[in-house]
Amino acid sequence: MKTACQIKPDLRPSTAQEAYDFAEAARLAGRYDDARALGEVTVSMALEAADQMQRSKALILLSKVHMVQGDPKAAFTVIGEATAAARQIGDDHLIATTLYLGVAVKRLLGLLEDAFTDIEQALEIATRLDDGELLYWCHNRAATLQNELGHHQASDEMMRKALAYAEQLGDEEKFCILNNLTDNLCVWEDNLAETGQHLPKEDLERALTYGERALFFARKASNPYREALILCNLGFVFGLLERFDEAFQALASTEQIAAAREYRSLGLSAIHYRGKILLIQKQPEQAISVLEAALVLSTDIAEDTSSRDICRCLATACEQIGDTGAALRHYRDYHQFDRKISSAQAALKASIMVDRVALMNARLEAEKAAARHRELSDHSEKLERSIKSLAALARSADEMALKDALTGLFNRHFLDREFKKRLAASRADSKAFSIVLVDVDHFKTVNDRFGHSTGDRVLKEIAEILRGDLRGDDVAIRYGGEEFMILLDDAGLGRAHGICERLRQHIANHVWDNLAPGLQVTASFGLAEVTPSDDSDSLIRRADASLYRAKNAGRNRIAV
């Protein structure tokens, strides 16, 4: 990270305002390292001058820079500080600004409930102030939340409303909403294509128009990051319209700018889109080569969300060339990244809740001391009740972090905490211990034929079957995607096999027509009993191998 001593001599500011002006100019020009260093200088100067307004503006700038540089956690920290400073000042416009900026950060971190709360507060302020700029940004950010939830039509309508506001504002606002409109239509078409559907051609032509306007504003601002960003989106639009030469030219330009400026995430996006377009061209062998290179890069820079989608594309490409084994491996990697992302989001939510409770406890303790000083015993009692309520909230947050949101079963966090304990206990007591991996057969077909909402309901029903049929000490865990794990204490292979057979029959004989006419669901089971040489990883590997044998033997069966 750059520090003040690394700032160029001609950018040495003498005041916090001058430092902020330099930082904003650097940000708008795409010189994000300079912008970050100057923003940090501004924060330091503003603190020395006790200028909360300037400090809040500098923190807002830093949050924007951290987002562009792919560090949403750092952005989350500074935008939280900016909101606190804005509330301390009591400036409604500044409060709303920090709230809508925080929405983008929390969306990337998976904190959607918090993001919706923030945008509602920001929109209320914007409406009350009748501020066109705030209304624009609130509609823009609310639309990105709709996009994140897969509500692309609602997102498109909201973004078009934001575009109407942007026409009265500056070039930065116009670029942002035009790029978001282009991106939303691309994601919408990509999601529809998975189910064999497509957007009307006029919608894709509309995306092209938005993208070309956004490119004009990016080049007008001489901002290389924005230019590379919209060129990447335009490349995918050209590909969707089967204008392949223009698609590859736009993506090559993105890669060239990204390499020169070290925009690694944008370079990854360009390679990723190139692989997707090769799939559209029905060139799976070339797509595999490109996507494998993208996966190496996404793994290197820890872009797990990109890695997840790249694995899905690789699985599709391998299916197209008839390499079923490779396709299955990539699908398995897809689910591993999905589990990793979900676990990271759950851990982050729990950490944030614990930090909030600690902060609120500290504030309450300070207020209690003041209350005692003023001999306000009644107020002190209320604070005591609040502390107990917050402690209960912290316990609830910890429990939520161990539960899968869809099925209510325990999740991988619980498994990481509990597995080794149970394994050690079984050895200490000289008792048998077995684990089972359960995989819903042909679950992708269920999603493709009946829809993802039906697929989710299938997973919920299976979770209920597991809860109802297992013994009191047995534990069912959602291991990831359509896969579950069961921990069986005091159960050797014979007893464990009997439990699995009861579950298998219950799932196969369950009345699934209630969810969708014609729906039939079965599951395969992989069973392993612990041996003296096993650790947790080797035991899971043996159960996974058993599950693989059950699948290969025809599914709807148990393998040991």
Protein backbone atom coordinates (compact mmCIF):
# COMPACT_ATOMS: atom_id res chain seq x y z
CA MET A 1 0.00 0.00 0.00
CA LYS A 2 1.23 3.48 -0.83
CA THR A 3 1.83 5.86 2.04
CA ALA A 4 2.12 9.63 2.19
CA CYS A 5 5.87 9.48 1.64
CA GLN A 6 5.34 7.76 -1.71
CA ILE A 7 3.11 10.50 -3.12
CA LYS A 8 4.66 12.43 -5.99
CA PRO A 9 6.19 15.79 -4.99
CA ASP A 10 3.68 17.73 -7.13
CA LEU A 11 0.83 16.05 -5.21
CA ARG A 12 1.96 17.08 -1.72
CA PRO A 13 -1.16 18.71 -0.22
CA SER A 14 -1.02 21.44 2.41
CA THR A 15 -4.63 21.11 3.63
CA ALA A 16 -7.21 18.34 4.00
CA GLN A 17 -9.37 19.95 1.28
CA GLU A 18 -6.44 20.10 -1.14
CA ALA A 19 -5.57 16.45 -0.36
CA TYR A 20 -9.16 15.46 -1.03
CA ASP A 21 -9.25 17.35 -4.35
CA PHE A 22 -6.03 15.58 -5.45
CA ALA A 23 -7.44 12.21 -4.38
CA GLU A 24 -10.74 12.72 -6.24
CA ALA A 25 -8.90 13.81 -9.41
CA ALA A 26 -6.73 10.68 -9.21
CA ARG A 27 -9.81 8.46 -8.71
CA LEU A 28 -11.66 9.95 -11.68
CA ALA A 29 -8.54 9.44 -13.82
CA GLY A 30 -8.29 5.77 -12.83
CA ARG A 31 -5.07 6.23 -10.79
CA TYR A 32 -6.39 4.26 -7.86
CA ASP A 33 -3.13 3.74 -5.94
CA ASP A 34 -2.59 7.51 -5.88
CA ALA A 35 -6.24 8.04 -4.93
CA ARG A 36 -5.94 5.62 -2.01
CA ALA A 37 -2.72 7.16 -0.69
CA LEU A 38 -4.10 10.71 -0.97
CA GLY A 39 -7.40 9.63 0.59
CA GLU A 40 -5.55 8.26 3.60
CA VAL A 41 -3.62 11.55 3.89
CA THR A 42 -6.94 13.41 3.79
CA VAL A 43 -8.35 11.28 6.62
CA SER A 44 -5.25 11.93 8.73
CA MET A 45 -5.33 15.70 8.11
CA ALA A 46 -9.07 15.88 8.77
CA LEU A 47 -8.61 14.09 12.09
CA GLU A 48 -5.90 16.52 13.13
CA ALA A 49 -8.17 19.41 12.21
CA ALA A 50 -11.20 17.78 13.90
CA ASP A 51 -13.03 18.19 10.57
CA GLN A 52 -15.61 15.38 10.60
CA MET A 53 -17.21 16.49 7.32
CA GLN A 54 -13.93 16.28 5.40
CA ARG A 55 -13.06 13.01 7.11
CA SER A 56 -16.40 11.48 6.12
CA LYS A 57 -15.97 12.58 2.47
CA ALA A 58 -12.45 11.09 2.39
CA LEU A 59 -13.71 7.79 3.83
CA ILE A 60 -16.41 7.70 1.14
CA LEU A 61 -13.71 8.16 -1.51
CA LEU A 62 -11.60 5.38 0.03
CA SER A 63 -14.57 2.99 0.00
CA LYS A 64 -15.01 3.60 -3.74
CA VAL A 65 -11.31 2.94 -4.37
CA HIS A 66 -11.30 -0.25 -2.28
CA MET A 67 -14.28 -1.55 -4.27
CA VAL A 68 -12.57 -0.93 -7.61
CA GLN A 69 -9.40 -2.59 -6.32
CA GLY A 70 -11.34 -5.70 -5.29
CA ASP A 71 -11.22 -5.30 -1.50
CA PRO A 72 -14.87 -5.13 -0.30
CA LYS A 73 -13.92 -5.97 3.31
CA ALA A 74 -11.73 -2.84 3.52
CA ALA A 75 -14.54 -0.88 1.85
CA PHE A 76 -16.98 -2.22 4.45
CA THR A 77 -14.80 -0.93 7.29
CA VAL A 78 -14.29 2.58 5.93
CA ILE A 79 -17.89 3.12 4.78
CA GLY A 80 -19.02 2.10 8.28
CA GLU A 81 -16.72 4.77 9.73
CA ALA A 82 -18.05 7.28 7.18
CA THR A 83 -21.67 6.56 8.16
CA ALA A 84 -20.85 6.97 11.86
CA ALA A 85 -19.13 10.31 11.15
CA ALA A 86 -22.06 11.50 9.01
CA ARG A 87 -24.55 10.63 11.75
CA GLN A 88 -22.41 12.47 14.28
CA ILE A 89 -22.50 15.58 12.07
CA GLY A 90 -26.25 15.13 11.48
CA ASP A 91 -26.03 15.84 7.74
CA ASP A 92 -28.89 13.90 6.06
CA HIS A 93 -27.44 14.15 2.55
CA LEU A 94 -24.11 12.75 3.74
CA ILE A 95 -25.86 9.99 5.73
CA ALA A 96 -27.86 8.92 2.65
CA THR A 97 -24.67 8.96 0.54
CA THR A 98 -22.82 6.64 2.92
CA LEU A 99 -25.85 4.34 3.12
CA TYR A 100 -26.28 3.86 -0.64
CA LEU A 101 -22.53 3.37 -1.07
CA GLY A 102 -22.61 0.74 1.69
CA VAL A 103 -25.28 -1.15 -0.29
CA ALA A 104 -22.78 -1.99 -3.05
CA VAL A 105 -20.26 -3.21 -0.48
CA LYS A 106 -22.74 -5.34 1.48
CA ARG A 107 -24.16 -6.83 -1.73
CA LEU A 108 -20.72 -8.17 -2.67
CA LEU A 109 -20.23 -9.53 0.86
CA GLY A 110 -23.61 -11.31 0.81
CA LEU A 111 -25.12 -9.09 3.54
CA LEU A 112 -28.34 -8.57 1.60
CA GLU A 113 -30.64 -7.98 4.58
CA ASP A 114 -28.41 -5.16 5.82
CA ALA A 115 -28.18 -3.79 2.27
CA PHE A 116 -31.97 -3.63 1.91
CA THR A 117 -32.27 -1.87 5.29
CA ASP A 118 -29.67 0.72 4.23
CA ILE A 119 -31.28 1.44 0.84
CA GLU A 120 -34.70 1.88 2.45
CA GLN A 121 -33.25 4.45 4.86
CA ALA A 122 -31.34 6.22 2.06
CA LEU A 123 -34.42 6.32 -0.19
CA GLU A 124 -36.54 7.77 2.62
CA ILE A 125 -34.01 10.59 3.09
CA ALA A 126 -33.68 11.18 -0.68
CA THR A 127 -37.46 11.38 -1.08
CA ARG A 128 -37.83 13.71 1.90
CA LEU A 129 -35.08 16.00 0.56
CA ASP A 130 -36.41 15.68 -3.01
CA ASP A 131 -32.78 15.37 -4.11
CA GLY A 132 -32.43 14.16 -7.73
CA GLU A 133 -28.84 12.97 -7.30
CA LEU A 134 -29.67 10.94 -4.19
CA LEU A 135 -32.80 9.53 -5.84
CA TYR A 136 -30.67 8.47 -8.82
CA TRP A 137 -28.12 6.62 -6.67
CA CYS A 138 -30.80 5.00 -4.49
CA HIS A 139 -32.65 3.63 -7.53
CA ASN A 140 -29.34 2.52 -9.03
CA ARG A 141 -28.27 0.62 -5.89
CA ALA A 142 -31.75 -0.83 -5.29
CA ALA A 143 -31.67 -2.15 -8.87
CA THR A 144 -28.33 -3.91 -8.28
CA LEU A 145 -29.89 -5.68 -5.28
CA GLN A 146 -32.74 -6.88 -7.49
CA ASN A 147 -30.13 -8.10 -9.97
CA GLU A 148 -28.32 -10.00 -7.21
CA LEU A 149 -31.58 -11.77 -6.30
CA GLY A 150 -32.19 -12.74 -9.94
CA HIS A 151 -35.10 -10.30 -10.38
CA HIS A 152 -33.71 -8.99 -13.65
CA GLN A 153 -36.89 -7.48 -15.08
CA ALA A 154 -37.53 -5.47 -11.90
CA SER A 155 -33.85 -4.48 -11.91
CA ASP A 156 -34.06 -3.35 -15.55
CA GLU A 157 -37.16 -1.22 -14.86
CA MET A 158 -35.57 0.38 -11.79
CA MET A 159 -32.33 1.08 -13.66
CA ARG A 160 -34.22 2.77 -16.47
CA LYS A 161 -35.86 5.03 -13.88
CA ALA A 162 -32.36 5.79 -12.52
CA LEU A 163 -31.19 6.57 -16.07
CA ALA A 164 -33.92 9.22 -16.35
CA TYR A 165 -32.48 10.90 -13.23
CA ALA A 166 -28.91 10.50 -14.55
CA GLU A 167 -29.68 12.42 -17.75
CA GLN A 168 -29.88 15.54 -15.56
CA LEU A 169 -26.62 14.73 -13.72
CA GLY A 170 -22.93 14.35 -14.55
CA ASP A 171 -20.96 11.99 -16.76
CA GLU A 172 -19.95 9.71 -13.86
CA GLU A 173 -23.60 9.03 -12.99
CA LYS A 174 -24.44 8.41 -16.65
CA PHE A 175 -21.55 5.97 -17.07
CA CYS A 176 -22.41 4.05 -13.90
CA ILE A 177 -26.07 3.42 -14.74
CA LEU A 178 -25.40 2.68 -18.43
CA ASN A 179 -22.76 0.11 -17.44
CA ASN A 180 -25.14 -1.41 -14.88
CA LEU A 181 -27.94 -1.64 -17.46
CA THR A 182 -25.58 -3.42 -19.86
CA ASP A 183 -24.37 -5.80 -17.16
CA ASN A 184 -27.89 -6.61 -15.93
CA LEU A 185 -29.07 -7.56 -19.42
CA CYS A 186 -25.95 -9.72 -19.91
CA VAL A 187 -26.51 -11.58 -16.62
CA TRP A 188 -30.23 -11.93 -17.38
CA GLU A 189 -29.51 -13.54 -20.76
CA ASP A 190 -26.79 -15.76 -19.25
CA ASN A 191 -29.19 -17.05 -16.59
CA LEU A 192 -31.99 -17.63 -19.11
CA ALA A 193 -29.62 -19.53 -21.42
CA GLU A 194 -29.01 -22.11 -18.67
CA THR A 195 -32.68 -23.14 -19.00
CA GLY A 196 -32.77 -22.99 -22.81
CA GLN A 197 -34.50 -19.59 -22.93
CA HIS A 198 -33.27 -16.28 -24.34
CA LEU A 199 -33.99 -12.57 -24.19
CA PRO A 200 -35.56 -10.99 -27.29
CA LYS A 201 -32.91 -9.70 -29.69
CA GLU A 202 -34.14 -6.13 -29.19
CA ASP A 203 -33.15 -6.33 -25.51
CA LEU A 204 -29.62 -7.36 -26.46
CA GLU A 205 -29.51 -4.54 -29.01
CA ARG A 206 -30.61 -2.22 -26.19
CA ALA A 207 -27.70 -3.53 -24.08
CA LEU A 208 -25.38 -2.71 -26.97
CA THR A 209 -26.71 0.85 -27.15
CA TYR A 210 -26.25 1.33 -23.40
CA GLY A 211 -22.73 -0.08 -23.56
CA GLU A 212 -21.63 2.10 -26.45
CA ARG A 213 -22.92 5.21 -24.63
CA ALA A 214 -21.06 4.13 -21.48
CA LEU A 215 -17.86 3.65 -23.52
CA PHE A 216 -18.19 7.21 -24.80
CA PHE A 217 -18.34 8.59 -21.24
CA ALA A 218 -15.45 6.39 -20.07
CA ARG A 219 -13.21 7.64 -22.88
CA LYS A 220 -14.38 11.22 -22.38
CA ALA A 221 -13.18 10.99 -18.77
CA SER A 222 -9.88 9.35 -19.87
CA ASN A 223 -10.55 6.69 -17.22
CA PRO A 224 -8.85 3.42 -18.26
CA TYR A 225 -10.59 1.32 -15.61
CA ARG A 226 -14.06 2.35 -16.77
CA GLU A 227 -13.06 1.87 -20.39
CA ALA A 228 -11.81 -1.67 -19.71
CA LEU A 229 -14.91 -2.45 -17.63
CA ILE A 230 -17.46 -1.47 -20.27
CA LEU A 231 -15.39 -2.98 -23.11
CA CYS A 232 -15.55 -6.27 -21.23
CA ASN A 233 -19.35 -6.07 -20.96
CA LEU A 234 -19.64 -4.96 -24.60
CA GLY A 235 -17.52 -7.93 -25.65
CA PHE A 236 -20.02 -10.29 -24.05
CA VAL A 237 -22.97 -8.46 -25.63
CA PHE A 238 -21.34 -8.74 -29.06
CA GLY A 239 -20.87 -12.45 -28.38
CA LEU A 240 -24.52 -12.91 -27.42
CA LEU A 241 -25.47 -11.17 -30.69
CA GLU A 242 -23.07 -13.56 -32.52
CA ARG A 243 -20.93 -10.65 -33.72
CA PHE A 244 -17.88 -12.65 -32.76
CA ASP A 245 -15.08 -10.62 -34.37
CA GLU A 246 -16.22 -7.49 -32.53
CA ALA A 247 -16.63 -9.52 -29.32
CA PHE A 248 -13.07 -10.83 -29.32
CA GLN A 249 -11.69 -7.41 -30.33
CA ALA A 250 -13.43 -5.73 -27.35
CA LEU A 251 -12.22 -8.41 -24.94
CA ALA A 252 -8.67 -8.18 -26.29
CA SER A 253 -8.76 -4.42 -25.63
CA THR A 254 -9.93 -5.11 -22.07
CA GLU A 255 -7.08 -7.57 -21.50
CA GLN A 256 -4.56 -5.08 -22.93
CA ILE A 257 -5.69 -2.27 -20.60
CA ALA A 258 -5.96 -4.64 -17.63
CA ALA A 259 -2.43 -5.94 -18.16
CA ALA A 260 -0.97 -2.44 -18.51
CA ARG A 261 -2.78 -1.15 -15.41
CA GLU A 262 -2.68 -4.33 -13.32
CA TYR A 263 -6.48 -4.60 -13.19
CA ARG A 264 -6.31 -8.35 -12.54
CA SER A 265 -10.02 -8.87 -11.84
CA LEU A 266 -10.97 -7.17 -15.12
CA GLY A 267 -8.40 -9.24 -16.99
CA LEU A 268 -9.97 -12.35 -15.47
CA SER A 269 -13.47 -11.24 -16.52
CA ALA A 270 -12.30 -10.78 -20.11
CA ILE A 271 -10.79 -14.29 -20.26
CA HIS A 272 -13.90 -15.73 -18.61
CA TYR A 273 -16.18 -14.05 -21.17
CA ARG A 274 -13.94 -15.25 -24.01
CA GLY A 275 -14.49 -18.83 -22.83
CA LYS A 276 -18.26 -18.30 -22.63
CA ILE A 277 -18.36 -16.87 -26.16
CA LEU A 278 -16.42 -19.87 -27.48
CA LEU A 279 -19.16 -22.05 -25.96
CA ILE A 280 -21.76 -19.95 -27.81
CA GLN A 281 -19.73 -20.62 -30.98
CA LYS A 282 -19.92 -24.38 -30.27
CA GLN A 283 -16.14 -24.62 -29.88
CA PRO A 284 -15.90 -26.53 -26.58
CA GLU A 285 -12.27 -27.66 -26.99
CA GLN A 286 -11.04 -24.06 -27.37
CA ALA A 287 -13.38 -22.96 -24.58
CA ILE A 288 -11.88 -25.52 -22.22
CA SER A 289 -8.35 -24.23 -22.88
CA VAL A 290 -9.39 -20.62 -22.24
CA LEU A 291 -11.53 -21.43 -19.17
CA GLU A 292 -8.75 -23.52 -17.60
CA ALA A 293 -6.45 -20.48 -17.90
CA ALA A 294 -9.19 -18.34 -16.32
CA LEU A 295 -9.53 -20.81 -13.44
CA VAL A 296 -5.78 -20.64 -12.72
CA LEU A 297 -5.98 -16.83 -12.55
CA SER A 298 -9.19 -16.73 -10.48
CA THR A 299 -7.68 -19.18 -7.99
CA ASP A 300 -4.48 -17.13 -7.81
CA ILE A 301 -6.35 -13.90 -6.97
CA ALA A 302 -8.96 -15.69 -4.78
CA GLU A 303 -11.97 -14.71 -6.93
CA ASP A 304 -14.14 -17.55 -5.63
CA THR A 305 -17.36 -16.31 -7.25
CA SER A 306 -15.66 -16.26 -10.66
CA SER A 307 -14.08 -19.66 -9.98
CA ARG A 308 -17.51 -21.12 -9.24
CA ASP A 309 -18.97 -19.96 -12.57
CA ILE A 310 -15.85 -20.95 -14.52
CA CYS A 311 -16.20 -24.51 -13.14
CA ARG A 312 -19.84 -24.55 -14.27
CA CYS A 313 -18.79 -23.45 -17.78
CA LEU A 314 -16.01 -26.06 -17.86
CA ALA A 315 -18.48 -28.77 -16.90
CA THR A 316 -20.76 -27.69 -19.76
CA ALA A 317 -17.85 -27.69 -22.23
CA CYS A 318 -16.74 -31.17 -21.11
CA GLU A 319 -20.30 -32.47 -21.51
CA GLN A 320 -20.33 -31.12 -25.07
CA ILE A 321 -17.23 -33.12 -25.99
CA GLY A 322 -18.52 -36.24 -24.21
CA ASP A 323 -15.97 -36.23 -21.36
CA THR A 324 -18.40 -37.17 -18.57
CA GLY A 325 -15.68 -37.80 -15.98
CA ALA A 326 -14.17 -34.34 -16.41
CA ALA A 327 -17.65 -32.78 -16.36
CA LEU A 328 -18.41 -34.47 -13.04
CA ARG A 329 -15.10 -33.25 -11.57
CA HIS A 330 -15.86 -29.68 -12.58
CA TYR A 331 -19.40 -29.92 -11.16
CA ARG A 332 -17.89 -31.15 -7.91
CA ASP A 333 -15.43 -28.22 -7.92
CA TYR A 334 -18.38 -25.89 -8.61
CA HIS A 335 -20.13 -27.14 -5.47
CA GLN A 336 -16.92 -26.86 -3.44
CA PHE A 337 -16.58 -23.19 -4.38
CA ASP A 338 -20.29 -22.69 -3.65
CA ARG A 339 -19.82 -24.15 -0.17
CA LYS A 340 -16.70 -22.03 0.38
CA ILE A 341 -18.54 -18.84 -0.57
CA SER A 342 -21.52 -19.68 1.66
CA SER A 343 -19.25 -20.53 4.59
CA ALA A 344 -17.29 -17.29 4.20
CA GLN A 345 -20.50 -15.25 4.10
CA ALA A 346 -21.88 -17.02 7.18
CA ALA A 347 -18.63 -16.44 9.07
CA LEU A 348 -18.60 -12.78 8.07
CA LYS A 349 -22.21 -12.28 9.21
CA ALA A 350 -21.46 -13.88 12.57
CA SER A 351 -18.28 -11.81 12.97
CA ILE A 352 -20.11 -8.58 12.16
CA MET A 353 -22.91 -9.41 14.60
CA VAL A 354 -20.43 -10.19 17.37
CA ASP A 355 -18.56 -6.93 16.68
CA ARG A 356 -21.82 -5.00 16.78
CA VAL A 357 -22.82 -6.58 20.05
CA ALA A 358 -19.38 -5.83 21.55
CA LEU A 359 -19.63 -2.21 20.42
CA MET A 360 -23.16 -1.83 21.75
CA ASN A 361 -22.14 -3.46 25.03
CA ALA A 362 -19.28 -0.98 25.36
CA ARG A 363 -21.65 1.92 24.72
CA LEU A 364 -24.18 0.55 27.19
CA GLU A 365 -21.51 0.10 29.85
CA ALA A 366 -20.44 3.71 29.37
CA GLU A 367 -24.04 4.84 29.68
CA LYS A 368 -24.45 2.71 32.81
CA ALA A 369 -21.49 4.46 34.40
CA ALA A 370 -23.00 7.84 33.57
CA ALA A 371 -26.36 6.68 34.92
CA ARG A 372 -24.79 5.59 38.19
CA HIS A 373 -23.04 8.93 38.43
CA ARG A 374 -26.40 10.68 37.99
CA GLU A 375 -28.13 8.11 40.26
CA LEU A 376 -30.57 7.17 37.54
CA SER A 377 -31.29 3.63 38.69
CA ASP A 378 -34.34 3.16 36.48
CA HIS A 379 -32.34 3.92 33.35
CA SER A 380 -29.60 1.58 34.52
CA GLU A 381 -32.09 -1.30 34.81
CA LYS A 382 -33.25 -0.72 31.23
CA LEU A 383 -29.65 -0.86 30.02
CA GLU A 384 -29.13 -4.13 31.89
CA ARG A 385 -32.11 -5.64 30.09
CA SER A 386 -30.70 -4.38 26.78
CA ILE A 387 -27.38 -6.08 27.46
CA LYS A 388 -29.14 -9.37 28.15
CA SER A 389 -31.14 -8.98 24.96
CA LEU A 390 -27.96 -8.28 22.97
CA ALA A 391 -26.24 -11.30 24.51
CA ALA A 392 -29.20 -13.43 23.39
CA LEU A 393 -28.87 -11.85 19.94
CA ALA A 394 -25.18 -12.79 19.83
CA ARG A 395 -26.02 -16.40 20.78
CA SER A 396 -28.69 -16.41 18.09
CA ALA A 397 -26.18 -15.08 15.54
CA ASP A 398 -23.72 -17.84 16.47
CA GLU A 399 -26.45 -20.46 16.03
CA MET A 400 -27.48 -18.96 12.68
CA ALA A 401 -23.88 -19.19 11.48
CA LEU A 402 -24.03 -22.98 12.07
CA LYS A 403 -27.32 -23.55 10.24
CA ASP A 404 -28.02 -23.79 6.51
CA ALA A 405 -30.50 -21.06 5.58
CA LEU A 406 -32.48 -23.16 3.06
CA THR A 407 -32.91 -26.52 4.86
CA GLY A 408 -32.40 -25.63 8.51
CA LEU A 409 -29.84 -28.43 8.80
CA PHE A 410 -26.38 -27.85 10.22
CA ASN A 411 -23.80 -26.51 7.73
CA ARG A 412 -20.08 -26.90 7.04
CA HIS A 413 -19.17 -24.55 9.92
CA PHE A 414 -20.85 -26.97 12.32
CA LEU A 415 -19.13 -29.92 10.63
CA ASP A 416 -15.72 -28.28 11.00
CA ARG A 417 -16.44 -27.74 14.71
CA GLU A 418 -18.09 -31.09 15.51
CA PHE A 419 -16.58 -33.79 13.27
CA LYS A 420 -13.22 -34.21 15.00
CA LYS A 421 -14.88 -34.10 18.43
CA ARG A 422 -17.18 -37.01 17.57
CA LEU A 423 -14.38 -38.98 15.95
CA ALA A 424 -12.19 -38.56 19.04
CA ALA A 425 -15.08 -39.47 21.36
CA SER A 426 -15.83 -42.69 19.48
CA ARG A 427 -12.19 -43.78 19.85
CA ALA A 428 -12.03 -42.80 23.52
CA ASP A 429 -15.18 -44.88 24.22
CA SER A 430 -14.15 -47.70 21.82
CA LYS A 431 -17.42 -47.30 19.94
CA ALA A 432 -18.14 -47.60 16.24
CA PHE A 433 -18.57 -44.41 14.19
CA SER A 434 -19.76 -44.10 10.59
CA ILE A 435 -20.49 -41.31 8.16
CA VAL A 436 -22.77 -41.23 5.14
CA LEU A 437 -22.68 -38.96 2.09
CA VAL A 438 -26.10 -38.59 0.46
CA ASP A 439 -26.48 -37.13 -3.03
CA VAL A 440 -29.80 -36.38 -4.74
CA ASP A 441 -29.85 -38.24 -8.06
CA HIS A 442 -30.14 -36.21 -11.27
CA PHE A 443 -30.67 -33.01 -9.31
CA LYS A 444 -29.51 -30.83 -12.21
CA THR A 445 -32.28 -32.38 -14.30
CA VAL A 446 -34.80 -31.55 -11.57
CA ASN A 447 -33.68 -27.90 -11.66
CA ASP A 448 -33.66 -27.75 -15.46
CA ARG A 449 -37.06 -29.44 -15.88
CA PHE A 450 -39.04 -28.15 -12.92
CA GLY A 451 -37.17 -24.96 -11.97
CA HIS A 452 -34.79 -23.95 -9.19
CA SER A 453 -37.61 -23.12 -6.77
CA THR A 454 -38.85 -26.73 -7.04
CA GLY A 455 -35.28 -27.91 -6.58
CA ASP A 456 -35.04 -25.89 -3.37
CA ARG A 457 -38.31 -27.44 -2.12
CA VAL A 458 -36.94 -30.92 -2.89
CA LEU A 459 -33.90 -30.18 -0.70
CA LYS A 460 -36.18 -28.97 2.10
CA GLU A 461 -38.32 -32.14 1.90
CA ILE A 462 -35.25 -34.37 2.00
CA ALA A 463 -33.96 -32.43 5.02
CA GLU A 464 -37.30 -33.13 6.76
CA ILE A 465 -37.02 -36.83 5.93
CA LEU A 466 -33.50 -36.96 7.38
CA ARG A 467 -34.60 -35.15 10.55
CA GLY A 468 -37.59 -37.44 11.00
CA ASP A 469 -35.91 -40.79 10.35
CA LEU A 470 -32.56 -40.40 12.11
CA ARG A 471 -31.88 -41.42 15.71
CA GLY A 472 -31.68 -38.85 18.47
CA ASP A 473 -27.86 -38.50 18.48
CA ASP A 474 -27.42 -38.69 14.70
CA VAL A 475 -26.65 -35.44 12.90
CA ALA A 476 -27.60 -34.45 9.35
CA ILE A 477 -25.59 -31.71 7.64
CA ARG A 478 -26.08 -29.94 4.34
CA TYR A 479 -22.66 -30.62 2.86
CA GLY A 480 -23.19 -28.47 -0.23
CA GLY A 481 -25.53 -28.16 -3.21
CA GLU A 482 -27.62 -31.33 -3.35
CA GLU A 483 -25.25 -33.27 -1.07
CA PHE A 484 -25.80 -34.11 2.60
CA MET A 485 -23.64 -35.77 5.26
CA ILE A 486 -24.86 -37.85 8.20
CA LEU A 487 -22.76 -38.52 11.34
CA LEU A 488 -23.75 -41.83 12.99
CA ASP A 489 -22.46 -42.38 16.53
CA ASP A 490 -22.25 -45.96 17.86
CA ALA A 491 -23.04 -47.41 14.42
CA GLY A 492 -20.95 -49.96 12.56
CA LEU A 493 -21.51 -50.82 8.92
CA GLY A 494 -24.44 -53.15 9.63
CA ARG A 495 -26.48 -50.70 11.69
CA ALA A 496 -25.49 -47.76 9.45
CA HIS A 497 -26.54 -49.69 6.34
CA GLY A 498 -29.96 -50.31 7.89
CA ILE A 499 -30.40 -46.61 8.64
CA CYS A 500 -29.40 -45.72 5.08
CA GLU A 501 -31.81 -48.27 3.58
CA ARG A 502 -34.67 -46.83 5.62
CA LEU A 503 -33.83 -43.34 4.36
CA ARG A 504 -33.36 -44.48 0.77
CA GLN A 505 -36.78 -46.16 0.71
CA HIS A 506 -38.46 -43.19 2.37
CA ILE A 507 -37.05 -40.79 -0.26
CA ALA A 508 -37.87 -43.10 -3.19
CA ASN A 509 -41.44 -43.75 -1.97
CA HIS A 510 -42.18 -40.16 -0.93
CA VAL A 511 -45.05 -38.48 -2.82
CA TRP A 512 -43.16 -35.88 -4.85
CA ASP A 513 -46.11 -35.04 -7.13
CA ASN A 514 -47.22 -32.55 -4.50
CA LEU A 515 -44.25 -30.37 -5.48
CA ALA A 516 -44.59 -30.77 -9.26
CA PRO A 517 -46.57 -33.23 -11.44
CA GLY A 518 -44.30 -35.96 -12.77
CA LEU A 519 -41.54 -35.29 -10.26
CA GLN A 520 -39.73 -38.36 -8.88
CA VAL A 521 -36.71 -38.16 -6.61
CA THR A 522 -34.19 -40.76 -5.46
CA ALA A 523 -30.86 -40.51 -3.68
CA SER A 524 -27.56 -42.41 -3.59
CA PHE A 525 -25.66 -43.17 -0.38
CA GLY A 526 -21.92 -43.58 0.24
CA LEU A 527 -21.11 -45.21 3.59
CA ALA A 528 -17.83 -45.51 5.49
CA GLU A 529 -16.98 -46.72 9.01
CA VAL A 530 -13.95 -45.29 10.79
CA THR A 531 -10.82 -47.45 10.98
CA PRO A 532 -7.86 -47.05 13.35
CA SER A 533 -5.82 -45.34 10.62
CA ASP A 534 -8.53 -42.83 9.63
CA ASP A 535 -8.53 -39.11 10.25
CA SER A 536 -11.50 -36.93 9.33
CA ASP A 537 -10.21 -36.23 5.81
CA SER A 538 -9.51 -39.87 4.94
CA LEU A 539 -12.90 -40.96 6.31
CA ILE A 540 -14.67 -38.40 4.13
CA ARG A 541 -12.64 -39.49 1.11
CA ARG A 542 -13.70 -43.12 1.63
CA ALA A 543 -17.36 -42.12 1.98
CA ASP A 544 -17.02 -40.02 -1.18
CA ALA A 545 -15.54 -42.98 -3.04
CA SER A 546 -18.46 -45.14 -1.87
CA LEU A 547 -20.90 -42.52 -3.11
CA TYR A 548 -19.14 -42.47 -6.47
CA ARG A 549 -19.55 -46.25 -6.72
CA ALA A 550 -23.26 -45.96 -5.88
CA LYS A 551 -23.69 -43.40 -8.65
CA ASN A 552 -21.80 -45.51 -11.18
CA ALA A 553 -23.78 -48.62 -10.26
CA GLY A 554 -27.03 -46.97 -11.32
CA ARG A 555 -27.98 -44.59 -8.45
CA ASN A 556 -30.77 -45.02 -5.87
CA ARG A 557 -28.61 -47.43 -3.89
CA ILE A 558 -26.11 -47.74 -1.06
CA ALA A 559 -22.42 -48.45 -1.51
CA VAL A 560 -19.84 -49.23 1.19
